[in-house]
Amino acid sequence: MEDTGLGKQLRRLRLEKGLTLQGLAEEVGKSESYLSRLERGQINPSLGTLKRIADALGRPLVHLLENGFPPLGALILRESGVRS
């Protein structure tokens, strides 16, 4: 999978906020492993997960989607009520 730059952006924002992977994982309900793989560009998040990450980082979701990160085709949309 090609690194779109989203992972690098998320890592930079996480570090700017002073959060560890563990701290962010606890806030968004994902594992440290998941977030590490996301930051390395190995996986793409669902829109719901990306929203929870944006909220935890104190940024609007649109901030993470600026400049085409990630490409809209890379987002995984899930039905309402299904947690990603």
C-alpha atoms as a PDB file:
ATOM      1  CA  MET A   1       0.000   0.000   0.000  1.00  0.00           C
ATOM      2  CA  GLU A   2       1.328   3.413  -0.953  1.00  0.00           C
ATOM      3  CA  ASP A   3       1.931   5.884   1.864  1.00  0.00           C
ATOM      4  CA  THR A   4      -0.367   8.810   1.083  1.00  0.00           C
ATOM      5  CA  GLY A   5       1.191  11.050   3.687  1.00  0.00           C
ATOM      6  CA  LEU A   6      -1.741  10.662   6.062  1.00  0.00           C
ATOM      7  CA  GLY A   7       0.310   8.527   8.423  1.00  0.00           C
ATOM      8  CA  LYS A   8       3.124  11.066   8.565  1.00  0.00           C
ATOM      9  CA  GLN A   9       0.607  13.829   9.169  1.00  0.00           C
ATOM     10  CA  LEU A  10      -1.082  11.878  11.973  1.00  0.00           C
ATOM     11  CA  ARG A  11       2.251  11.136  13.636  1.00  0.00           C
ATOM     12  CA  ARG A  12       3.276  14.799  13.468  1.00  0.00           C
ATOM     13  CA  LEU A  13      -0.035  15.943  14.964  1.00  0.00           C
ATOM     14  CA  ARG A  14       0.105  13.267  17.678  1.00  0.00           C
ATOM     15  CA  LEU A  15       3.607  14.304  18.691  1.00  0.00           C
ATOM     16  CA  GLU A  16       2.691  18.009  18.600  1.00  0.00           C
ATOM     17  CA  LYS A  17      -0.107  17.227  21.051  1.00  0.00           C
ATOM     18  CA  GLY A  18       2.342  15.283  23.237  1.00  0.00           C
ATOM     19  CA  LEU A  19       0.469  11.990  22.920  1.00  0.00           C
ATOM     20  CA  THR A  20       2.063   8.563  22.877  1.00  0.00           C
ATOM     21  CA  LEU A  21       0.660   5.832  20.662  1.00  0.00           C
ATOM     22  CA  GLN A  22      -0.738   4.269  23.829  1.00  0.00           C
ATOM     23  CA  GLY A  23      -2.441   7.513  24.864  1.00  0.00           C
ATOM     24  CA  LEU A  24      -4.012   8.044  21.460  1.00  0.00           C
ATOM     25  CA  ALA A  25      -5.017   4.384  21.255  1.00  0.00           C
ATOM     26  CA  GLU A  26      -6.891   4.686  24.547  1.00  0.00           C
ATOM     27  CA  GLU A  27      -8.667   7.846  23.369  1.00  0.00           C
ATOM     28  CA  VAL A  28      -9.827   6.418  20.050  1.00  0.00           C
ATOM     29  CA  GLY A  29     -10.470   2.812  21.055  1.00  0.00           C
ATOM     30  CA  LYS A  30      -7.862   1.273  18.767  1.00  0.00           C
ATOM     31  CA  SER A  31      -4.726  -0.706  19.522  1.00  0.00           C
ATOM     32  CA  GLU A  32      -1.244   0.802  19.513  1.00  0.00           C
ATOM     33  CA  SER A  33      -0.405  -1.691  16.770  1.00  0.00           C
ATOM     34  CA  TYR A  34      -3.251  -0.424  14.602  1.00  0.00           C
ATOM     35  CA  LEU A  35      -2.175   3.202  15.021  1.00  0.00           C
ATOM     36  CA  SER A  36       1.465   2.343  14.393  1.00  0.00           C
ATOM     37  CA  ARG A  37       0.536   0.611  11.133  1.00  0.00           C
ATOM     38  CA  LEU A  38      -1.628   3.604  10.199  1.00  0.00           C
ATOM     39  CA  GLU A  39       1.227   6.039  10.844  1.00  0.00           C
ATOM     40  CA  ARG A  40       3.523   3.900   8.671  1.00  0.00           C
ATOM     41  CA  GLY A  41       1.014   3.982   5.813  1.00  0.00           C
ATOM     42  CA  GLN A  42       0.369   0.246   5.925  1.00  0.00           C
ATOM     43  CA  ILE A  43      -3.401   0.536   6.375  1.00  0.00           C
ATOM     44  CA  ASN A  44      -6.194   2.998   5.656  1.00  0.00           C
ATOM     45  CA  PRO A  45      -8.666   3.987   8.366  1.00  0.00           C
ATOM     46  CA  SER A  46     -12.418   4.035   8.086  1.00  0.00           C
ATOM     47  CA  LEU A  47     -13.976   7.480   8.078  1.00  0.00           C
ATOM     48  CA  GLY A  48     -15.320   6.826  11.600  1.00  0.00           C
ATOM     49  CA  THR A  49     -11.862   5.962  12.910  1.00  0.00           C
ATOM     50  CA  LEU A  50     -10.364   8.992  11.203  1.00  0.00           C
ATOM     51  CA  LYS A  51     -13.042  11.177  12.850  1.00  0.00           C
ATOM     52  CA  ARG A  52     -12.239   9.756  16.308  1.00  0.00           C
ATOM     53  CA  ILE A  53      -8.525  10.389  15.706  1.00  0.00           C
ATOM     54  CA  ALA A  54      -9.203  13.950  14.532  1.00  0.00           C
ATOM     55  CA  ASP A  55     -11.302  14.585  17.654  1.00  0.00           C
ATOM     56  CA  ALA A  56      -8.577  13.186  19.925  1.00  0.00           C
ATOM     57  CA  LEU A  57      -6.000  15.390  18.226  1.00  0.00           C
ATOM     58  CA  GLY A  58      -8.240  18.434  18.590  1.00  0.00           C
ATOM     59  CA  ARG A  59      -8.455  18.967  14.837  1.00  0.00           C
ATOM     60  CA  PRO A  60     -11.458  19.092  12.527  1.00  0.00           C
ATOM     61  CA  LEU A  61     -11.801  16.060  10.289  1.00  0.00           C
ATOM     62  CA  VAL A  62     -11.478  18.259   7.218  1.00  0.00           C
ATOM     63  CA  HIS A  63      -7.966  19.197   8.394  1.00  0.00           C
ATOM     64  CA  LEU A  64      -6.903  15.574   7.965  1.00  0.00           C
ATOM     65  CA  LEU A  65      -8.588  15.330   4.569  1.00  0.00           C
ATOM     66  CA  GLU A  66      -6.974  18.456   3.131  1.00  0.00           C
ATOM     67  CA  ASN A  67      -4.592  17.989   0.230  1.00  0.00           C
ATOM     68  CA  GLY A  68      -6.249  14.670  -0.634  1.00  0.00           C
ATOM     69  CA  PHE A  69      -4.965  12.727   2.411  1.00  0.00           C
ATOM     70  CA  PRO A  70      -6.098  10.019   2.212  1.00  0.00           C
ATOM     71  CA  PRO A  71      -7.483   9.743  -1.315  1.00  0.00           C
ATOM     72  CA  LEU A  72     -11.235   9.373  -1.046  1.00  0.00           C
ATOM     73  CA  GLY A  73     -11.037   5.940  -2.688  1.00  0.00           C
ATOM     74  CA  ALA A  74      -8.867   4.752   0.195  1.00  0.00           C
ATOM     75  CA  LEU A  75     -11.484   5.503   2.870  1.00  0.00           C
ATOM     76  CA  ILE A  76     -13.586   2.621   4.099  1.00  0.00           C
ATOM     77  CA  LEU A  77     -17.162   3.624   4.808  1.00  0.00           C
ATOM     78  CA  ARG A  78     -19.165   1.416   7.144  1.00  0.00           C
ATOM     79  CA  GLU A  79     -22.849   1.341   7.913  1.00  0.00           C
ATOM     80  CA  SER A  80     -24.036   3.353  10.889  1.00  0.00           C
ATOM     81  CA  GLY A  81     -23.754   1.432  14.135  1.00  0.00           C
ATOM     82  CA  VAL A  82     -20.850  -0.713  12.963  1.00  0.00           C
ATOM     83  CA  ARG A  83     -17.705   0.282  14.756  1.00  0.00           C
ATOM     84  CA  SER A  84     -14.509   0.208  12.718  1.00  0.00           C
END
